[in-house]
């Protein structure tokens, strides 16, 4: 596995943890499912976006917006 792939996986797990911090009723499985099924995650997977270089909180803002509005802004 490449370093970039590891960074993407780390970011996905960080996003799940942040989701669980926001909603204490979410399980890790539910939080990961939410992240993995999001458009934000799809953007994270694109090397050209380089979101894996950003802080988890920065990327989480995209996920929060997506969950709130139904689209990534």
N, C-alpha and C. Protein backbone atom coordinates (compact mmCIF):
# COMPACT_ATOMS: atom_id res chain seq x y z
N UNK A 1 0.85 -1.18 0.00
CA UNK A 1 0.00 0.00 0.00
C UNK A 1 0.90 1.24 0.00
N UNK A 2 0.54 2.20 -0.81
CA UNK A 2 1.35 3.41 -0.93
C UNK A 2 1.12 4.34 0.26
N UNK A 3 2.02 5.28 0.41
CA UNK A 3 1.91 6.26 1.48
C UNK A 3 0.64 7.10 1.31
N UNK A 4 0.31 7.43 0.08
CA UNK A 4 -0.89 8.22 -0.18
C UNK A 4 -2.14 7.43 0.19
N UNK A 5 -2.17 6.16 -0.15
CA UNK A 5 -3.31 5.32 0.23
C UNK A 5 -3.47 5.25 1.76
N UNK A 6 -2.34 5.16 2.45
CA UNK A 6 -2.38 5.15 3.92
C UNK A 6 -2.92 6.47 4.46
N UNK A 7 -2.52 7.57 3.85
CA UNK A 7 -3.00 8.88 4.28
C UNK A 7 -4.51 8.99 4.07
N UNK A 8 -5.00 8.45 2.98
CA UNK A 8 -6.44 8.48 2.70
C UNK A 8 -7.20 7.65 3.72
N UNK A 9 -6.68 6.48 4.05
CA UNK A 9 -7.32 5.63 5.06
C UNK A 9 -7.32 6.30 6.43
N UNK A 10 -6.21 6.91 6.77
CA UNK A 10 -6.13 7.63 8.05
C UNK A 10 -7.15 8.76 8.10
N UNK A 11 -7.29 9.48 6.98
CA UNK A 11 -8.25 10.58 6.93
C UNK A 11 -9.67 10.06 7.11
N UNK A 12 -10.00 8.95 6.45
CA UNK A 12 -11.35 8.38 6.57
C UNK A 12 -11.63 7.99 8.02
N UNK A 13 -10.67 7.39 8.70
CA UNK A 13 -10.89 7.01 10.09
C UNK A 13 -10.99 8.24 10.99
N UNK A 14 -10.20 9.27 10.70
CA UNK A 14 -10.31 10.52 11.47
C UNK A 14 -11.68 11.17 11.28
N UNK A 15 -12.19 11.13 10.07
CA UNK A 15 -13.52 11.70 9.81
C UNK A 15 -14.58 10.93 10.58
N UNK A 16 -14.45 9.62 10.64
CA UNK A 16 -15.41 8.80 11.40
C UNK A 16 -15.35 9.16 12.89
N UNK A 17 -14.16 9.34 13.42
CA UNK A 17 -14.01 9.72 14.83
C UNK A 17 -14.65 11.08 15.08
N UNK A 18 -14.44 12.02 14.18
CA UNK A 18 -15.05 13.35 14.33
C UNK A 18 -16.58 13.26 14.27
N UNK A 19 -17.09 12.41 13.41
CA UNK A 19 -18.55 12.21 13.36
C UNK A 19 -19.07 11.68 14.69
N UNK A 20 -18.34 10.73 15.27
CA UNK A 20 -18.75 10.16 16.55
C UNK A 20 -18.66 11.18 17.68
N UNK A 21 -17.70 12.10 17.60
CA UNK A 21 -17.61 13.16 18.60
C UNK A 21 -18.81 14.10 18.50
N UNK A 22 -19.28 14.33 17.29
CA UNK A 22 -20.45 15.20 17.08
C UNK A 22 -21.75 14.52 17.49
N UNK A 23 -21.83 13.21 17.30
CA UNK A 23 -23.04 12.46 17.61
C UNK A 23 -22.64 11.23 18.42
N UNK A 24 -22.79 11.33 19.73
CA UNK A 24 -22.34 10.26 20.62
C UNK A 24 -23.12 8.96 20.46
N UNK A 25 -24.22 9.01 19.73
CA UNK A 25 -25.02 7.80 19.53
C UNK A 25 -24.54 6.97 18.34
N UNK A 26 -23.67 7.54 17.52
CA UNK A 26 -23.15 6.81 16.36
C UNK A 26 -22.12 5.78 16.80
N UNK A 27 -22.21 4.60 16.22
CA UNK A 27 -21.17 3.60 16.44
C UNK A 27 -20.07 3.85 15.41
N UNK A 28 -18.93 3.23 15.64
CA UNK A 28 -17.83 3.37 14.68
C UNK A 28 -18.25 2.83 13.32
N UNK A 29 -18.98 1.73 13.32
CA UNK A 29 -19.45 1.15 12.06
C UNK A 29 -20.36 2.12 11.31
N UNK A 30 -21.28 2.74 12.02
CA UNK A 30 -22.19 3.70 11.39
C UNK A 30 -21.43 4.92 10.87
N UNK A 31 -20.48 5.40 11.66
CA UNK A 31 -19.71 6.57 11.26
C UNK A 31 -18.86 6.25 10.03
N UNK A 32 -18.22 5.10 10.01
CA UNK A 32 -17.43 4.71 8.84
C UNK A 32 -18.31 4.53 7.61
N UNK A 33 -19.48 3.95 7.80
CA UNK A 33 -20.41 3.78 6.67
C UNK A 33 -20.81 5.14 6.11
N UNK A 34 -21.07 6.09 6.98
CA UNK A 34 -21.43 7.44 6.54
C UNK A 34 -20.29 8.06 5.74
N UNK A 35 -19.09 7.95 6.26
CA UNK A 35 -17.93 8.52 5.57
C UNK A 35 -17.72 7.85 4.22
N UNK A 36 -17.70 6.52 4.21
CA UNK A 36 -17.39 5.78 2.99
C UNK A 36 -18.44 5.95 1.89
N UNK A 37 -19.66 6.30 2.27
CA UNK A 37 -20.73 6.49 1.29
C UNK A 37 -20.93 7.95 0.91
N UNK A 38 -20.03 8.81 1.33
CA UNK A 38 -20.20 10.25 1.08
C UNK A 38 -19.47 10.70 -0.18
N UNK A 39 -19.93 11.80 -0.74
CA UNK A 39 -19.24 12.43 -1.86
C UNK A 39 -17.89 12.99 -1.40
N UNK A 40 -17.82 13.40 -0.13
CA UNK A 40 -16.56 13.89 0.42
C UNK A 40 -15.49 12.79 0.34
N UNK A 41 -15.87 11.58 0.65
CA UNK A 41 -14.93 10.45 0.56
C UNK A 41 -14.50 10.24 -0.89
N UNK A 42 -15.44 10.37 -1.81
CA UNK A 42 -15.09 10.22 -3.23
C UNK A 42 -14.07 11.26 -3.65
N UNK A 43 -14.22 12.48 -3.14
CA UNK A 43 -13.24 13.54 -3.43
C UNK A 43 -11.90 13.22 -2.79
N UNK A 44 -11.94 12.68 -1.58
CA UNK A 44 -10.71 12.30 -0.89
C UNK A 44 -9.92 11.27 -1.69
N UNK A 45 -10.62 10.40 -2.40
CA UNK A 45 -9.96 9.35 -3.17
C UNK A 45 -9.29 9.86 -4.44
N UNK A 46 -9.68 11.03 -4.90
CA UNK A 46 -9.09 11.61 -6.11
C UNK A 46 -7.74 12.23 -5.77
N UNK A 47 -6.70 11.70 -6.36
CA UNK A 47 -5.36 12.23 -6.10
C UNK A 47 -5.25 13.70 -6.46
N UNK A 48 -5.97 14.12 -7.49
CA UNK A 48 -5.88 15.51 -7.95
C UNK A 48 -6.41 16.50 -6.91
N UNK A 49 -7.35 16.07 -6.06
CA UNK A 49 -7.90 16.95 -5.03
C UNK A 49 -6.93 17.14 -3.88
N UNK A 50 -6.10 16.16 -3.63
CA UNK A 50 -5.10 16.18 -2.56
C UNK A 50 -5.68 16.54 -1.19
N UNK A 51 -6.91 16.11 -0.94
CA UNK A 51 -7.50 16.36 0.37
C UNK A 51 -6.79 15.62 1.49
N UNK A 52 -6.11 14.56 1.15
CA UNK A 52 -5.37 13.78 2.16
C UNK A 52 -4.23 14.59 2.77
N UNK A 53 -3.85 15.71 2.15
CA UNK A 53 -2.81 16.58 2.69
C UNK A 53 -3.39 17.61 3.67
N UNK A 54 -4.69 17.73 3.72
CA UNK A 54 -5.34 18.73 4.57
C UNK A 54 -5.55 18.17 5.98
N UNK A 55 -5.93 19.04 6.88
CA UNK A 55 -6.22 18.60 8.24
C UNK A 55 -7.57 17.89 8.26
N UNK A 56 -7.75 16.94 9.16
CA UNK A 56 -9.04 16.26 9.26
C UNK A 56 -10.21 17.22 9.50
N UNK A 57 -9.98 18.25 10.31
CA UNK A 57 -11.06 19.22 10.58
C UNK A 57 -11.47 19.97 9.32
N UNK A 58 -10.51 20.29 8.48
CA UNK A 58 -10.80 20.97 7.22
C UNK A 58 -11.68 20.10 6.34
N UNK A 59 -11.30 18.85 6.17
CA UNK A 59 -12.07 17.93 5.34
C UNK A 59 -13.42 17.63 6.00
N UNK A 60 -13.44 17.59 7.33
CA UNK A 60 -14.69 17.34 8.04
C UNK A 60 -15.71 18.44 7.78
N UNK A 61 -15.25 19.65 7.56
CA UNK A 61 -16.17 20.75 7.25
C UNK A 61 -16.92 20.46 5.95
N UNK A 62 -16.25 19.84 4.97
CA UNK A 62 -16.93 19.44 3.74
C UNK A 62 -17.97 18.36 4.03
N UNK A 63 -17.59 17.39 4.85
CA UNK A 63 -18.51 16.30 5.19
C UNK A 63 -19.72 16.83 5.95
N UNK A 64 -19.49 17.71 6.91
CA UNK A 64 -20.61 18.30 7.66
C UNK A 64 -21.57 19.03 6.73
N UNK A 65 -21.01 19.82 5.83
CA UNK A 65 -21.83 20.56 4.87
C UNK A 65 -22.63 19.60 4.00
N UNK A 66 -21.97 18.56 3.54
CA UNK A 66 -22.64 17.57 2.71
C UNK A 66 -23.79 16.90 3.45
N UNK A 67 -23.56 16.53 4.71
CA UNK A 67 -24.59 15.86 5.49
C UNK A 67 -25.76 16.81 5.80
N UNK A 68 -25.43 18.09 5.97
CA UNK A 68 -26.46 19.07 6.29
C UNK A 68 -27.29 19.46 5.06
N UNK A 69 -26.61 19.62 3.91
CA UNK A 69 -27.30 20.15 2.73
C UNK A 69 -27.56 19.11 1.65
N UNK A 70 -26.86 17.97 1.74
CA UNK A 70 -27.03 16.94 0.72
C UNK A 70 -26.08 17.08 -0.45
N UNK A 71 -25.16 18.07 -0.38
CA UNK A 71 -24.19 18.23 -1.45
C UNK A 71 -22.90 18.79 -0.86
N UNK A 72 -21.81 18.55 -1.55
CA UNK A 72 -20.52 19.06 -1.11
C UNK A 72 -20.37 20.48 -1.62
N UNK A 73 -19.99 21.35 -0.73
CA UNK A 73 -19.80 22.77 -1.12
C UNK A 73 -18.38 23.18 -0.91
